[in-house]
Amino acid sequence: MYNKNKQDDVVIYKVDIDKQKSLAKEFSVRVIPTLIYFKDDEIQERELGVKTPALIKQSVKTYLLDN
């Protein structure tokens, strides 16, 4: 996702927790889907459950671009 106004890049990764069990354990993923927002290698927020693209864009703006 690219934000033209701030010139910041956002990278989204999808992880199959059945194949990456150690990663799921490391980040305490117990609910699918779980969205974890990182900024500067630190967790900014965690959201659980299905989200619409509009809600994800708003979360990215709030947790990653406005800080």
N, C-alpha and C. Protein backbone atom coordinates (compact mmCIF):
# COMPACT_ATOMS: atom_id res chain seq x y z
N MET A 1 0.86 -1.15 0.00
CA MET A 1 0.00 0.00 0.00
C MET A 1 0.91 1.22 0.00
N TYR A 2 0.55 2.23 -0.72
CA TYR A 2 1.37 3.42 -0.83
C TYR A 2 0.56 4.65 -0.49
N ASN A 3 1.08 5.50 0.34
CA ASN A 3 0.40 6.73 0.72
C ASN A 3 1.08 7.89 -0.01
N LYS A 4 0.40 8.45 -1.00
CA LYS A 4 0.99 9.51 -1.83
C LYS A 4 1.28 10.77 -1.02
N ASN A 5 0.48 11.06 -0.01
CA ASN A 5 0.65 12.30 0.75
C ASN A 5 1.91 12.30 1.61
N LYS A 6 2.23 11.18 2.22
CA LYS A 6 3.37 11.14 3.14
C LYS A 6 4.59 10.47 2.53
N GLN A 7 4.43 9.85 1.39
CA GLN A 7 5.54 9.15 0.74
C GLN A 7 6.10 8.03 1.61
N ASP A 8 5.24 7.36 2.33
CA ASP A 8 5.64 6.23 3.17
C ASP A 8 5.19 4.93 2.54
N ASP A 9 6.00 3.90 2.70
CA ASP A 9 5.63 2.58 2.23
C ASP A 9 5.11 1.74 3.39
N VAL A 10 4.10 0.95 3.11
CA VAL A 10 3.57 0.01 4.08
C VAL A 10 3.64 -1.36 3.44
N VAL A 11 4.21 -2.33 4.15
CA VAL A 11 4.34 -3.68 3.65
C VAL A 11 3.40 -4.57 4.44
N ILE A 12 2.66 -5.41 3.73
CA ILE A 12 1.72 -6.32 4.37
C ILE A 12 2.19 -7.76 4.12
N TYR A 13 2.29 -8.52 5.19
CA TYR A 13 2.68 -9.92 5.10
C TYR A 13 1.52 -10.79 5.55
N LYS A 14 1.35 -11.89 4.85
CA LYS A 14 0.35 -12.89 5.25
C LYS A 14 1.12 -14.13 5.70
N VAL A 15 0.78 -14.63 6.88
CA VAL A 15 1.48 -15.78 7.43
C VAL A 15 0.50 -16.91 7.63
N ASP A 16 0.85 -18.09 7.14
CA ASP A 16 0.07 -19.29 7.36
C ASP A 16 0.53 -19.89 8.70
N ILE A 17 -0.27 -19.69 9.74
CA ILE A 17 0.17 -20.11 11.07
C ILE A 17 0.21 -21.64 11.23
N ASP A 18 -0.44 -22.36 10.33
CA ASP A 18 -0.32 -23.82 10.38
C ASP A 18 1.08 -24.25 9.94
N LYS A 19 1.70 -23.47 9.07
CA LYS A 19 3.05 -23.77 8.59
C LYS A 19 4.12 -23.04 9.39
N GLN A 20 3.76 -21.96 10.04
CA GLN A 20 4.70 -21.13 10.80
C GLN A 20 4.29 -21.08 12.27
N LYS A 21 4.19 -22.24 12.88
CA LYS A 21 3.71 -22.32 14.26
C LYS A 21 4.59 -21.57 15.24
N SER A 22 5.87 -21.58 15.02
CA SER A 22 6.76 -20.87 15.95
C SER A 22 6.53 -19.35 15.87
N LEU A 23 6.25 -18.84 14.69
CA LEU A 23 5.97 -17.42 14.53
C LEU A 23 4.65 -17.04 15.20
N ALA A 24 3.66 -17.90 15.03
CA ALA A 24 2.36 -17.67 15.68
C ALA A 24 2.52 -17.67 17.20
N LYS A 25 3.33 -18.56 17.70
CA LYS A 25 3.57 -18.62 19.14
C LYS A 25 4.33 -17.38 19.62
N GLU A 26 5.33 -16.98 18.85
CA GLU A 26 6.14 -15.81 19.22
C GLU A 26 5.28 -14.55 19.39
N PHE A 27 4.27 -14.41 18.51
CA PHE A 27 3.42 -13.22 18.55
C PHE A 27 2.06 -13.48 19.18
N SER A 28 1.92 -14.62 19.85
CA SER A 28 0.71 -14.97 20.60
C SER A 28 -0.55 -14.87 19.74
N VAL A 29 -0.49 -15.42 18.55
CA VAL A 29 -1.66 -15.42 17.66
C VAL A 29 -2.54 -16.59 18.05
N ARG A 30 -3.73 -16.27 18.54
CA ARG A 30 -4.68 -17.29 18.98
C ARG A 30 -5.99 -17.20 18.21
N VAL A 31 -6.21 -16.08 17.53
CA VAL A 31 -7.43 -15.84 16.77
C VAL A 31 -7.04 -15.59 15.32
N ILE A 32 -7.83 -16.17 14.42
CA ILE A 32 -7.59 -15.96 12.99
C ILE A 32 -8.80 -15.24 12.41
N PRO A 33 -8.61 -14.15 11.71
CA PRO A 33 -7.33 -13.47 11.44
C PRO A 33 -6.93 -12.54 12.57
N THR A 34 -5.62 -12.34 12.66
CA THR A 34 -5.04 -11.35 13.56
C THR A 34 -4.19 -10.42 12.72
N LEU A 35 -4.40 -9.13 12.89
CA LEU A 35 -3.59 -8.12 12.22
C LEU A 35 -2.69 -7.48 13.27
N ILE A 36 -1.39 -7.48 13.00
CA ILE A 36 -0.45 -6.86 13.92
C ILE A 36 0.25 -5.75 13.15
N TYR A 37 0.17 -4.55 13.68
CA TYR A 37 0.75 -3.38 13.04
C TYR A 37 2.09 -3.06 13.71
N PHE A 38 3.16 -3.08 12.91
CA PHE A 38 4.51 -2.78 13.41
C PHE A 38 4.98 -1.45 12.84
N LYS A 39 5.66 -0.70 13.67
CA LYS A 39 6.33 0.51 13.21
C LYS A 39 7.67 0.56 13.91
N ASP A 40 8.73 0.71 13.14
CA ASP A 40 10.09 0.72 13.69
C ASP A 40 10.35 -0.52 14.55
N ASP A 41 9.92 -1.67 14.03
CA ASP A 41 10.12 -2.97 14.67
C ASP A 41 9.42 -3.14 16.01
N GLU A 42 8.45 -2.28 16.31
CA GLU A 42 7.68 -2.40 17.54
C GLU A 42 6.19 -2.54 17.20
N ILE A 43 5.50 -3.37 17.96
CA ILE A 43 4.06 -3.54 17.75
C ILE A 43 3.35 -2.27 18.18
N GLN A 44 2.57 -1.71 17.26
CA GLN A 44 1.80 -0.51 17.55
C GLN A 44 0.37 -0.86 17.97
N GLU A 45 -0.16 -1.91 17.33
CA GLU A 45 -1.55 -2.30 17.62
C GLU A 45 -1.77 -3.73 17.14
N ARG A 46 -2.79 -4.35 17.70
CA ARG A 46 -3.20 -5.71 17.33
C ARG A 46 -4.71 -5.69 17.18
N GLU A 47 -5.20 -6.20 16.04
CA GLU A 47 -6.65 -6.27 15.81
C GLU A 47 -7.02 -7.71 15.50
N LEU A 48 -8.14 -8.14 16.04
CA LEU A 48 -8.61 -9.51 15.84
C LEU A 48 -9.89 -9.51 15.03
N GLY A 49 -10.04 -10.54 14.21
CA GLY A 49 -11.27 -10.70 13.45
C GLY A 49 -11.18 -10.11 12.05
N VAL A 50 -12.21 -10.39 11.28
CA VAL A 50 -12.26 -9.97 9.88
C VAL A 50 -12.46 -8.45 9.81
N LYS A 51 -11.71 -7.80 8.94
CA LYS A 51 -11.80 -6.36 8.73
C LYS A 51 -12.01 -6.09 7.24
N THR A 52 -12.79 -5.08 6.94
CA THR A 52 -12.95 -4.67 5.55
C THR A 52 -11.69 -3.93 5.11
N PRO A 53 -11.45 -3.85 3.80
CA PRO A 53 -10.29 -3.07 3.33
C PRO A 53 -10.31 -1.62 3.83
N ALA A 54 -11.49 -1.02 3.91
CA ALA A 54 -11.58 0.36 4.40
C ALA A 54 -11.13 0.46 5.86
N LEU A 55 -11.50 -0.50 6.69
CA LEU A 55 -11.08 -0.49 8.10
C LEU A 55 -9.58 -0.72 8.23
N ILE A 56 -9.03 -1.57 7.39
CA ILE A 56 -7.58 -1.81 7.41
C ILE A 56 -6.84 -0.54 6.99
N LYS A 57 -7.31 0.13 5.96
CA LYS A 57 -6.68 1.38 5.52
C LYS A 57 -6.72 2.42 6.64
N GLN A 58 -7.84 2.50 7.34
CA GLN A 58 -7.94 3.45 8.45
C GLN A 58 -6.97 3.10 9.57
N SER A 59 -6.85 1.83 9.87
CA SER A 59 -5.91 1.39 10.90
C SER A 59 -4.48 1.70 10.51
N VAL A 60 -4.14 1.46 9.25
CA VAL A 60 -2.79 1.78 8.77
C VAL A 60 -2.52 3.27 8.95
N LYS A 61 -3.49 4.09 8.56
CA LYS A 61 -3.34 5.53 8.71
C LYS A 61 -3.15 5.90 10.18
N THR A 62 -3.99 5.35 11.04
CA THR A 62 -3.96 5.69 12.46
C THR A 62 -2.69 5.21 13.15
N TYR A 63 -2.33 3.94 12.96
CA TYR A 63 -1.25 3.35 13.73
C TYR A 63 0.13 3.49 13.11
N LEU A 64 0.19 3.67 11.79
CA LEU A 64 1.49 3.67 11.14
C LEU A 64 1.88 4.99 10.50
N LEU A 65 0.91 5.75 10.02
CA LEU A 65 1.27 6.94 9.26
C LEU A 65 1.09 8.24 10.03
N ASP A 66 0.20 8.29 11.00
CA ASP A 66 -0.08 9.53 11.70
C ASP A 66 0.79 9.75 12.93
N ASN A 67 1.53 8.73 13.32
CA ASN A 67 2.33 8.86 14.54
C ASN A 67 3.60 9.63 14.30
